[in-house]
Amino acid sequence: MRMTVADAKGFTLIEVLVGVAMTVVSVFGLVQLFLMAARANVVAHDNTFAAVLASEKLEQLLSLSWGFDSAGITTGDTTTDVTVSPERPGGAGLTPSPAGALTTNISGYCDFLDARGRSVGTGTSPPVGALYVRRWALDLLPGSDNVLLLQVRVTGRAAASSGPGRVPGEARLLAVKTRKTG
């Protein structure tokens, strides 16, 4: 019994090439999906870490005294240096900040952090090793000397001079502090 070409079982070269092409396209699509997921993880990590750094500064500012003394006279911590941890005397405390404190490095309203969130300095120029810039602004609410608006902005060093718009990996937090009798 002789087999003819028409009786042969198996795949033709064209069928094999089409199957290989489909497999390559599928694998390429999966690789792209994995790369997108990895980039999304990096962005999520940066956003979360920036939010933690912003939250730390906001908590530090909220812990400073801002109230009334027993005679009803307004008091507020305007001398603590919050650019360092632990705090020390000789800073701006809760003194209202100059205009532009969230967009430019203003001494007393800015600090620089490394990749682990540790302070590497303060001032107007980022030192070597600074990966994050943390700025804060303090403003009295218009029409009230008893309500303070606290804002904290954390950006990566590359995005630090980007201006007032939001950038990837940035965190902004806002709080209101009112004077209390105490």
N, C-alpha and C. Protein backbone atom coordinates (compact mmCIF):
# COMPACT_ATOMS: atom_id res chain seq x y z
N MET A 1 0.84 -1.16 0.00
CA MET A 1 0.00 0.00 0.00
C MET A 1 0.90 1.24 0.00
N ARG A 2 0.66 2.04 -0.95
CA ARG A 2 1.45 3.25 -1.12
C ARG A 2 0.68 4.47 -0.62
N MET A 3 1.40 5.38 0.11
CA MET A 3 0.76 6.61 0.59
C MET A 3 0.97 7.72 -0.42
N THR A 4 -0.03 8.44 -0.67
CA THR A 4 0.10 9.60 -1.54
C THR A 4 0.17 10.85 -0.68
N VAL A 5 0.55 11.94 -1.30
CA VAL A 5 0.67 13.21 -0.55
C VAL A 5 -0.67 13.60 0.05
N ALA A 6 -1.72 13.33 -0.60
CA ALA A 6 -3.04 13.68 -0.11
C ALA A 6 -3.41 12.88 1.13
N ASP A 7 -2.82 11.68 1.28
CA ASP A 7 -3.13 10.85 2.45
C ASP A 7 -2.25 11.18 3.64
N ALA A 8 -1.21 11.97 3.47
CA ALA A 8 -0.25 12.24 4.54
C ALA A 8 -0.92 13.01 5.68
N LYS A 9 -0.60 12.64 6.90
CA LYS A 9 -1.12 13.32 8.10
C LYS A 9 -0.03 14.22 8.65
N GLY A 10 -0.39 15.33 9.24
CA GLY A 10 0.58 16.25 9.82
C GLY A 10 0.25 17.69 9.44
N PHE A 11 1.22 18.58 9.68
CA PHE A 11 1.02 20.00 9.43
C PHE A 11 1.87 20.44 8.25
N THR A 12 1.37 21.37 7.51
CA THR A 12 2.15 21.93 6.42
C THR A 12 3.03 23.03 6.98
N LEU A 13 4.01 23.44 6.21
CA LEU A 13 4.92 24.50 6.64
C LEU A 13 4.17 25.80 6.91
N ILE A 14 3.20 26.11 6.12
CA ILE A 14 2.42 27.34 6.32
C ILE A 14 1.64 27.28 7.63
N GLU A 15 1.07 26.16 7.97
CA GLU A 15 0.34 26.01 9.23
C GLU A 15 1.28 26.19 10.42
N VAL A 16 2.47 25.64 10.31
CA VAL A 16 3.46 25.77 11.38
C VAL A 16 3.87 27.23 11.54
N LEU A 17 4.14 27.92 10.42
CA LEU A 17 4.53 29.33 10.49
C LEU A 17 3.43 30.20 11.07
N VAL A 18 2.18 29.95 10.70
CA VAL A 18 1.06 30.71 11.26
C VAL A 18 0.96 30.45 12.76
N GLY A 19 1.11 29.21 13.19
CA GLY A 19 1.06 28.88 14.62
C GLY A 19 2.18 29.55 15.41
N VAL A 20 3.39 29.54 14.86
CA VAL A 20 4.52 30.19 15.53
C VAL A 20 4.29 31.70 15.60
N ALA A 21 3.80 32.30 14.52
CA ALA A 21 3.53 33.74 14.50
C ALA A 21 2.49 34.11 15.55
N MET A 22 1.45 33.32 15.66
CA MET A 22 0.42 33.59 16.68
C MET A 22 1.00 33.47 18.08
N THR A 23 1.85 32.51 18.31
CA THR A 23 2.47 32.32 19.63
C THR A 23 3.37 33.51 19.96
N VAL A 24 4.18 33.97 18.99
CA VAL A 24 5.07 35.10 19.22
C VAL A 24 4.27 36.36 19.53
N VAL A 25 3.21 36.62 18.80
CA VAL A 25 2.38 37.80 19.05
C VAL A 25 1.75 37.72 20.44
N SER A 26 1.29 36.54 20.82
CA SER A 26 0.69 36.37 22.15
C SER A 26 1.70 36.60 23.26
N VAL A 27 2.89 36.04 23.11
CA VAL A 27 3.94 36.21 24.13
C VAL A 27 4.36 37.68 24.20
N PHE A 28 4.49 38.34 23.06
CA PHE A 28 4.85 39.75 23.04
C PHE A 28 3.79 40.58 23.77
N GLY A 29 2.54 40.28 23.57
CA GLY A 29 1.46 40.97 24.27
C GLY A 29 1.54 40.76 25.78
N LEU A 30 1.87 39.54 26.20
CA LEU A 30 2.00 39.25 27.64
C LEU A 30 3.19 40.01 28.23
N VAL A 31 4.29 40.07 27.51
CA VAL A 31 5.46 40.80 27.99
C VAL A 31 5.10 42.27 28.18
N GLN A 32 4.39 42.86 27.23
CA GLN A 32 3.96 44.25 27.35
C GLN A 32 3.06 44.44 28.58
N LEU A 33 2.18 43.49 28.80
CA LEU A 33 1.29 43.55 29.96
C LEU A 33 2.10 43.51 31.26
N PHE A 34 3.09 42.62 31.33
CA PHE A 34 3.92 42.54 32.53
C PHE A 34 4.72 43.83 32.74
N LEU A 35 5.23 44.42 31.67
CA LEU A 35 5.98 45.68 31.79
C LEU A 35 5.08 46.81 32.28
N MET A 36 3.86 46.87 31.76
CA MET A 36 2.91 47.89 32.22
C MET A 36 2.59 47.69 33.70
N ALA A 37 2.42 46.45 34.12
CA ALA A 37 2.12 46.17 35.52
C ALA A 37 3.31 46.56 36.41
N ALA A 38 4.52 46.30 35.95
CA ALA A 38 5.70 46.66 36.73
C ALA A 38 5.81 48.17 36.87
N ARG A 39 5.56 48.92 35.79
CA ARG A 39 5.59 50.38 35.86
C ARG A 39 4.50 50.90 36.79
N ALA A 40 3.33 50.31 36.73
CA ALA A 40 2.24 50.73 37.62
C ALA A 40 2.60 50.49 39.08
N ASN A 41 3.30 49.39 39.35
CA ASN A 41 3.75 49.11 40.72
C ASN A 41 4.73 50.16 41.20
N VAL A 42 5.65 50.57 40.35
CA VAL A 42 6.63 51.59 40.72
C VAL A 42 5.92 52.91 41.01
N VAL A 43 4.99 53.30 40.17
CA VAL A 43 4.25 54.55 40.37
C VAL A 43 3.44 54.47 41.67
N ALA A 44 2.80 53.34 41.91
CA ALA A 44 2.01 53.17 43.15
C ALA A 44 2.92 53.26 44.37
N HIS A 45 4.09 52.65 44.30
CA HIS A 45 5.04 52.72 45.41
C HIS A 45 5.47 54.16 45.66
N ASP A 46 5.82 54.88 44.59
CA ASP A 46 6.26 56.26 44.73
C ASP A 46 5.15 57.14 45.31
N ASN A 47 3.92 56.96 44.83
CA ASN A 47 2.79 57.74 45.36
C ASN A 47 2.55 57.45 46.83
N THR A 48 2.60 56.19 47.20
CA THR A 48 2.37 55.79 48.59
C THR A 48 3.47 56.33 49.50
N PHE A 49 4.72 56.19 49.06
CA PHE A 49 5.83 56.66 49.89
C PHE A 49 5.78 58.18 50.05
N ALA A 50 5.46 58.89 48.98
CA ALA A 50 5.34 60.35 49.06
C ALA A 50 4.21 60.73 50.02
N ALA A 51 3.11 59.98 50.00
CA ALA A 51 2.00 60.26 50.91
C ALA A 51 2.40 60.03 52.37
N VAL A 52 3.19 59.01 52.63
CA VAL A 52 3.66 58.74 53.99
C VAL A 52 4.57 59.88 54.45
N LEU A 53 5.48 60.34 53.58
CA LEU A 53 6.38 61.44 53.94
C LEU A 53 5.59 62.72 54.20
N ALA A 54 4.58 62.98 53.40
CA ALA A 54 3.73 64.16 53.60
C ALA A 54 2.96 64.04 54.92
N SER A 55 2.45 62.86 55.19
CA SER A 55 1.69 62.64 56.42
C SER A 55 2.56 62.84 57.66
N GLU A 56 3.81 62.40 57.60
CA GLU A 56 4.72 62.60 58.73
C GLU A 56 4.90 64.08 59.04
N LYS A 57 5.12 64.88 58.00
CA LYS A 57 5.32 66.32 58.21
C LYS A 57 4.05 66.98 58.72
N LEU A 58 2.91 66.59 58.15
CA LEU A 58 1.64 67.17 58.59
C LEU A 58 1.39 66.85 60.07
N GLU A 59 1.66 65.64 60.49
CA GLU A 59 1.50 65.27 61.90
C GLU A 59 2.44 66.08 62.79
N GLN A 60 3.67 66.29 62.31
CA GLN A 60 4.62 67.09 63.08
C GLN A 60 4.11 68.52 63.25
N LEU A 61 3.59 69.10 62.18
CA LEU A 61 3.05 70.46 62.26
C LEU A 61 1.80 70.53 63.15
N LEU A 62 0.94 69.53 63.03
CA LEU A 62 -0.29 69.51 63.85
C LEU A 62 0.01 69.35 65.34
N SER A 63 1.16 68.78 65.67
CA SER A 63 1.50 68.56 67.08
C SER A 63 1.99 69.83 67.78
N LEU A 64 2.33 70.86 67.03
CA LEU A 64 2.80 72.10 67.64
C LEU A 64 1.63 72.84 68.29
N SER A 65 1.95 73.60 69.33
CA SER A 65 0.88 74.28 70.08
C SER A 65 0.31 75.45 69.28
N TRP A 66 -1.01 75.60 69.37
CA TRP A 66 -1.73 76.66 68.67
C TRP A 66 -3.04 76.83 69.44
N GLY A 67 -3.09 77.81 70.31
CA GLY A 67 -4.29 77.93 71.12
C GLY A 67 -4.37 79.24 71.87
N PHE A 68 -5.01 79.15 73.04
CA PHE A 68 -5.18 80.30 73.93
C PHE A 68 -4.62 79.91 75.28
N ASP A 69 -4.01 80.86 75.97
CA ASP A 69 -3.55 80.57 77.33
C ASP A 69 -4.72 80.75 78.31
N SER A 70 -4.46 80.60 79.59
CA SER A 70 -5.53 80.68 80.59
C SER A 70 -6.18 82.06 80.66
N ALA A 71 -5.49 83.10 80.21
CA ALA A 71 -6.05 84.44 80.22
C ALA A 71 -6.79 84.75 78.92
N GLY A 72 -6.82 83.81 78.00
CA GLY A 72 -7.52 84.01 76.73
C GLY A 72 -6.67 84.67 75.66
N ILE A 73 -5.38 84.78 75.90
CA ILE A 73 -4.47 85.40 74.93
C ILE A 73 -4.00 84.32 73.95
N THR A 74 -3.95 84.69 72.67
CA THR A 74 -3.55 83.70 71.65
C THR A 74 -2.09 83.30 71.84
N THR A 75 -1.84 82.01 71.67
CA THR A 75 -0.48 81.47 71.73
C THR A 75 -0.29 80.57 70.52
N GLY A 76 0.94 80.40 70.17
CA GLY A 76 1.27 79.50 69.08
C GLY A 76 2.76 79.31 68.99
N ASP A 77 3.17 78.13 68.63
CA ASP A 77 4.59 77.81 68.52
C ASP A 77 5.12 78.41 67.21
N THR A 78 5.88 79.47 67.33
CA THR A 78 6.47 80.11 66.14
C THR A 78 7.99 80.08 66.20
N THR A 79 8.56 79.19 67.01
CA THR A 79 10.01 79.16 67.16
C THR A 79 10.63 77.78 67.00
N THR A 80 9.82 76.76 66.81
CA THR A 80 10.38 75.41 66.68
C THR A 80 10.87 75.17 65.25
N ASP A 81 12.05 74.57 65.13
CA ASP A 81 12.60 74.21 63.82
C ASP A 81 12.04 72.84 63.45
N VAL A 82 11.09 72.82 62.54
CA VAL A 82 10.47 71.56 62.11
C VAL A 82 11.13 71.00 60.86
N THR A 83 12.24 71.61 60.43
CA THR A 83 12.95 71.07 59.28
C THR A 83 13.84 69.90 59.67
N VAL A 84 13.96 69.66 60.97
CA VAL A 84 14.79 68.56 61.47
C VAL A 84 13.96 67.69 62.40
N SER A 85 14.44 66.49 62.61
CA SER A 85 13.77 65.60 63.55
C SER A 85 14.84 64.96 64.43
N PRO A 86 14.74 65.07 65.74
CA PRO A 86 13.70 65.75 66.51
C PRO A 86 13.80 67.27 66.35
N GLU A 87 12.65 67.92 66.59
CA GLU A 87 12.60 69.37 66.48
C GLU A 87 13.53 70.01 67.48
N ARG A 88 13.89 71.25 67.18
CA ARG A 88 14.74 72.03 68.09
C ARG A 88 14.34 73.50 67.98
N PRO A 89 14.73 74.31 68.95
CA PRO A 89 14.42 75.74 68.87
C PRO A 89 15.18 76.39 67.71
N GLY A 90 14.66 77.54 67.27
CA GLY A 90 15.36 78.30 66.26
C GLY A 90 14.77 78.19 64.86
N GLY A 91 13.50 77.88 64.76
CA GLY A 91 12.88 77.76 63.45
C GLY A 91 11.65 78.64 63.32
N ALA A 92 10.86 78.32 62.32
CA ALA A 92 9.67 79.12 62.04
C ALA A 92 8.41 78.59 62.70
N GLY A 93 8.43 77.34 63.16
CA GLY A 93 7.24 76.77 63.80
C GLY A 93 6.01 76.92 62.94
N LEU A 94 4.95 77.50 63.51
CA LEU A 94 3.69 77.71 62.80
C LEU A 94 3.55 79.13 62.26
N THR A 95 4.67 79.79 62.01
CA THR A 95 4.64 81.12 61.42
C THR A 95 4.14 81.00 59.98
N PRO A 96 3.17 81.84 59.57
CA PRO A 96 2.72 81.76 58.17
C PRO A 96 3.89 81.86 57.20
N SER A 97 3.83 81.06 56.17
CA SER A 97 4.94 80.96 55.22
C SER A 97 4.86 82.03 54.14
N PRO A 98 6.00 82.31 53.52
CA PRO A 98 5.99 83.25 52.39
C PRO A 98 5.24 82.65 51.20
N ALA A 99 4.81 83.50 50.28
CA ALA A 99 4.13 83.02 49.07
C ALA A 99 5.08 82.10 48.29
N GLY A 100 4.52 81.07 47.69
CA GLY A 100 5.30 80.15 46.87
C GLY A 100 6.01 79.06 47.64
N ALA A 101 5.68 78.88 48.91
CA ALA A 101 6.38 77.89 49.72
C ALA A 101 6.16 76.46 49.23
N LEU A 102 5.05 76.20 48.53
CA LEU A 102 4.81 74.84 48.02
C LEU A 102 5.48 74.58 46.69
N THR A 103 5.94 75.62 46.02
CA THR A 103 6.53 75.44 44.68
C THR A 103 8.01 75.75 44.60
N THR A 104 8.55 76.43 45.59
CA THR A 104 9.99 76.74 45.60
C THR A 104 10.57 76.37 46.95
N ASN A 105 11.86 76.12 46.96
CA ASN A 105 12.55 75.77 48.20
C ASN A 105 12.81 77.03 49.01
N ILE A 106 12.11 77.16 50.12
CA ILE A 106 12.26 78.31 51.01
C ILE A 106 12.76 77.79 52.35
N SER A 107 13.87 78.33 52.78
CA SER A 107 14.48 77.90 54.02
C SER A 107 13.48 78.02 55.17
N GLY A 108 13.36 76.96 55.95
CA GLY A 108 12.41 76.92 57.07
C GLY A 108 11.09 76.27 56.70
N TYR A 109 10.84 76.10 55.39
CA TYR A 109 9.58 75.51 54.93
C TYR A 109 9.85 74.40 53.91
N CYS A 110 11.01 73.76 54.03
CA CYS A 110 11.41 72.75 53.06
C CYS A 110 12.47 71.86 53.68
N ASP A 111 12.41 70.58 53.38
CA ASP A 111 13.51 69.68 53.72
C ASP A 111 13.69 68.65 52.61
N PHE A 112 14.83 67.99 52.63
CA PHE A 112 15.20 67.04 51.58
C PHE A 112 15.42 65.67 52.22
N LEU A 113 14.93 64.64 51.53
CA LEU A 113 14.94 63.29 52.09
C LEU A 113 15.59 62.32 51.12
N ASP A 114 16.18 61.25 51.67
CA ASP A 114 16.80 60.23 50.82
C ASP A 114 15.77 59.17 50.43
N ALA A 115 16.22 58.12 49.79
CA ALA A 115 15.32 57.08 49.29
C ALA A 115 14.57 56.36 50.41
N ARG A 116 15.08 56.42 51.62
CA ARG A 116 14.41 55.76 52.75
C ARG A 116 13.60 56.74 53.59
N GLY A 117 13.51 58.00 53.16
CA GLY A 117 12.72 58.98 53.88
C GLY A 117 13.46 59.67 55.00
N ARG A 118 14.77 59.49 55.09
CA ARG A 118 15.56 60.14 56.13
C ARG A 118 16.02 61.51 55.64
N SER A 119 16.03 62.46 56.55
CA SER A 119 16.44 63.82 56.21
C SER A 119 17.92 63.85 55.84
N VAL A 120 18.21 64.55 54.73
CA VAL A 120 19.60 64.73 54.31
C VAL A 120 19.95 66.22 54.28
N GLY A 121 19.04 67.07 54.73
CA GLY A 121 19.34 68.48 54.81
C GLY A 121 18.13 69.36 54.60
N THR A 122 18.36 70.65 54.77
CA THR A 122 17.33 71.67 54.58
C THR A 122 17.94 72.80 53.77
N GLY A 123 17.19 73.85 53.58
CA GLY A 123 17.71 75.00 52.87
C GLY A 123 17.02 75.19 51.54
N THR A 124 17.73 75.79 50.58
CA THR A 124 17.14 76.10 49.29
C THR A 124 17.66 75.21 48.17
N SER A 125 18.77 74.51 48.39
CA SER A 125 19.34 73.63 47.35
C SER A 125 19.41 72.21 47.87
N PRO A 126 18.95 71.24 47.06
CA PRO A 126 19.00 69.86 47.50
C PRO A 126 20.44 69.36 47.62
N PRO A 127 20.80 68.74 48.74
CA PRO A 127 22.14 68.19 48.88
C PRO A 127 22.26 66.87 48.11
N VAL A 128 23.47 66.40 47.99
CA VAL A 128 23.72 65.11 47.34
C VAL A 128 22.97 64.03 48.12
N GLY A 129 22.33 63.14 47.42
CA GLY A 129 21.59 62.05 48.06
C GLY A 129 20.12 62.35 48.27
N ALA A 130 19.69 63.56 47.98
CA ALA A 130 18.28 63.92 48.15
C ALA A 130 17.47 63.38 46.98
N LEU A 131 16.45 62.57 47.29
CA LEU A 131 15.56 62.04 46.26
C LEU A 131 14.17 62.64 46.35
N TYR A 132 13.81 63.15 47.52
CA TYR A 132 12.49 63.74 47.71
C TYR A 132 12.64 65.15 48.25
N VAL A 133 11.75 66.02 47.81
CA VAL A 133 11.67 67.38 48.32
C VAL A 133 10.32 67.50 49.02
N ARG A 134 10.36 67.91 50.29
CA ARG A 134 9.13 68.07 51.06
C ARG A 134 9.01 69.54 51.43
N ARG A 135 7.91 70.14 51.00
CA ARG A 135 7.66 71.57 51.28
C ARG A 135 6.34 71.71 52.02
N TRP A 136 6.23 72.73 52.82
CA TRP A 136 4.97 72.98 53.51
C TRP A 136 4.68 74.48 53.52
N ALA A 137 3.41 74.77 53.53
CA ALA A 137 2.95 76.16 53.57
C ALA A 137 1.93 76.29 54.70
N LEU A 138 2.03 77.39 55.42
CA LEU A 138 1.13 77.69 56.53
C LEU A 138 0.51 79.05 56.27
N ASP A 139 -0.80 79.10 56.27
CA ASP A 139 -1.51 80.35 56.00
C ASP A 139 -2.67 80.49 56.97
N LEU A 140 -2.86 81.73 57.46
CA LEU A 140 -4.05 82.00 58.25
C LEU A 140 -5.24 82.03 57.31
N LEU A 141 -6.32 81.44 57.74
CA LEU A 141 -7.53 81.46 56.93
C LEU A 141 -8.00 82.91 56.83
N PRO A 142 -8.34 83.39 55.63
CA PRO A 142 -8.76 84.79 55.49
C PRO A 142 -9.92 85.11 56.44
N GLY A 143 -9.76 86.20 57.15
CA GLY A 143 -10.81 86.64 58.06
C GLY A 143 -10.71 86.05 59.45
N SER A 144 -9.68 85.24 59.72
CA SER A 144 -9.56 84.63 61.04
C SER A 144 -8.09 84.49 61.42
N ASP A 145 -7.76 84.96 62.63
CA ASP A 145 -6.41 84.77 63.14
C ASP A 145 -6.31 83.50 63.97
N ASN A 146 -7.40 82.73 64.03
CA ASN A 146 -7.44 81.55 64.87
C ASN A 146 -7.48 80.23 64.09
N VAL A 147 -7.51 80.33 62.77
CA VAL A 147 -7.58 79.13 61.95
C VAL A 147 -6.39 79.12 61.00
N LEU A 148 -5.62 78.06 61.06
CA LEU A 148 -4.40 77.94 60.27
C LEU A 148 -4.58 76.83 59.24
N LEU A 149 -4.29 77.13 57.99
CA LEU A 149 -4.35 76.15 56.91
C LEU A 149 -2.95 75.59 56.70
N LEU A 150 -2.79 74.27 56.85
CA LEU A 150 -1.50 73.60 56.69
C LEU A 150 -1.52 72.80 55.40
N GLN A 151 -0.51 72.97 54.57
CA GLN A 151 -0.39 72.22 53.33
C GLN A 151 1.00 71.62 53.24
N VAL A 152 1.08 70.37 52.80
CA VAL A 152 2.37 69.70 52.62
C VAL A 152 2.39 69.10 51.22
N ARG A 153 3.51 69.29 50.54
CA ARG A 153 3.69 68.74 49.19
C ARG A 153 5.03 68.00 49.14
N VAL A 154 4.98 66.76 48.70
CA VAL A 154 6.20 65.96 48.55
C VAL A 154 6.31 65.55 47.09
N THR A 155 7.49 65.81 46.51
CA THR A 155 7.76 65.41 45.14
C THR A 155 9.13 64.75 45.07
N GLY A 156 9.33 64.00 44.01
CA GLY A 156 10.67 63.50 43.74
C GLY A 156 11.54 64.65 43.31
N ARG A 157 12.84 64.52 43.47
CA ARG A 157 13.76 65.62 43.17
C ARG A 157 13.63 66.10 41.73
N ALA A 158 13.46 65.17 40.79
CA ALA A 158 13.36 65.55 39.38
C ALA A 158 12.13 66.41 39.12
N ALA A 159 11.06 66.18 39.87
CA ALA A 159 9.82 66.91 39.66
C ALA A 159 9.70 68.12 40.58
N ALA A 160 10.68 68.35 41.42
CA ALA A 160 10.58 69.38 42.45
C ALA A 160 10.43 70.79 41.88
N SER A 161 10.97 71.04 40.71
CA SER A 161 10.89 72.40 40.16
C SER A 161 9.82 72.52 39.08
N SER A 162 8.87 71.61 39.11
CA SER A 162 7.87 71.56 38.04
C SER A 162 6.78 72.61 38.16
N GLY A 163 6.72 73.34 39.23
CA GLY A 163 5.69 74.37 39.38
C GLY A 163 4.51 73.87 40.18
N PRO A 164 3.38 74.57 40.11
CA PRO A 164 2.24 74.27 40.96
C PRO A 164 1.42 73.07 40.52
N GLY A 165 1.53 72.62 39.28
CA GLY A 165 0.72 71.50 38.80
C GLY A 165 1.12 70.18 39.45
N ARG A 166 0.22 69.23 39.38
CA ARG A 166 0.47 67.90 39.95
C ARG A 166 1.37 67.09 39.04
N VAL A 167 2.31 66.35 39.64
CA VAL A 167 3.24 65.51 38.88
C VAL A 167 3.15 64.08 39.38
N PRO A 168 3.55 63.10 38.56
CA PRO A 168 3.54 61.70 39.02
C PRO A 168 4.45 61.52 40.23
N GLY A 169 4.02 60.69 41.16
CA GLY A 169 4.80 60.42 42.36
C GLY A 169 4.74 61.53 43.39
N GLU A 170 3.76 62.39 43.28
CA GLU A 170 3.62 63.52 44.19
C GLU A 170 2.50 63.26 45.19
N ALA A 171 2.66 63.82 46.38
CA ALA A 171 1.60 63.76 47.38
C ALA A 171 1.35 65.16 47.91
N ARG A 172 0.08 65.49 48.09
CA ARG A 172 -0.30 66.77 48.68
C ARG A 172 -1.33 66.48 49.77
N LEU A 173 -1.09 67.03 50.93
CA LEU A 173 -2.02 66.89 52.04
C LEU A 173 -2.37 68.27 52.59
N LEU A 174 -3.55 68.36 53.13
CA LEU A 174 -4.07 69.63 53.63
C LEU A 174 -4.76 69.37 54.97
N ALA A 175 -4.58 70.28 55.90
CA ALA A 175 -5.28 70.17 57.18
C ALA A 175 -5.57 71.58 57.69
N VAL A 176 -6.52 71.67 58.59
CA VAL A 176 -6.88 72.92 59.22
C VAL A 176 -6.66 72.76 60.70
N LYS A 177 -5.98 73.73 61.30
CA LYS A 177 -5.72 73.72 62.75
C LYS A 177 -6.38 74.95 63.36
N THR A 178 -7.21 74.73 64.36
CA THR A 178 -7.88 75.85 65.03
C THR A 178 -7.33 76.01 66.45
N ARG A 179 -7.35 77.22 66.91
CA ARG A 179 -6.88 77.48 68.28
C ARG A 179 -7.84 76.85 69.28
N LYS A 180 -7.26 76.31 70.34
CA LYS A 180 -8.05 75.69 71.39
C LYS A 180 -7.68 76.31 72.72
N THR A 181 -8.63 76.36 73.60
CA THR A 181 -8.38 76.86 74.95
C THR A 181 -7.61 75.81 75.72
N GLY A 182 -6.59 76.22 76.37
CA GLY A 182 -5.87 75.19 77.10
C GLY A 182 -4.87 75.75 77.96
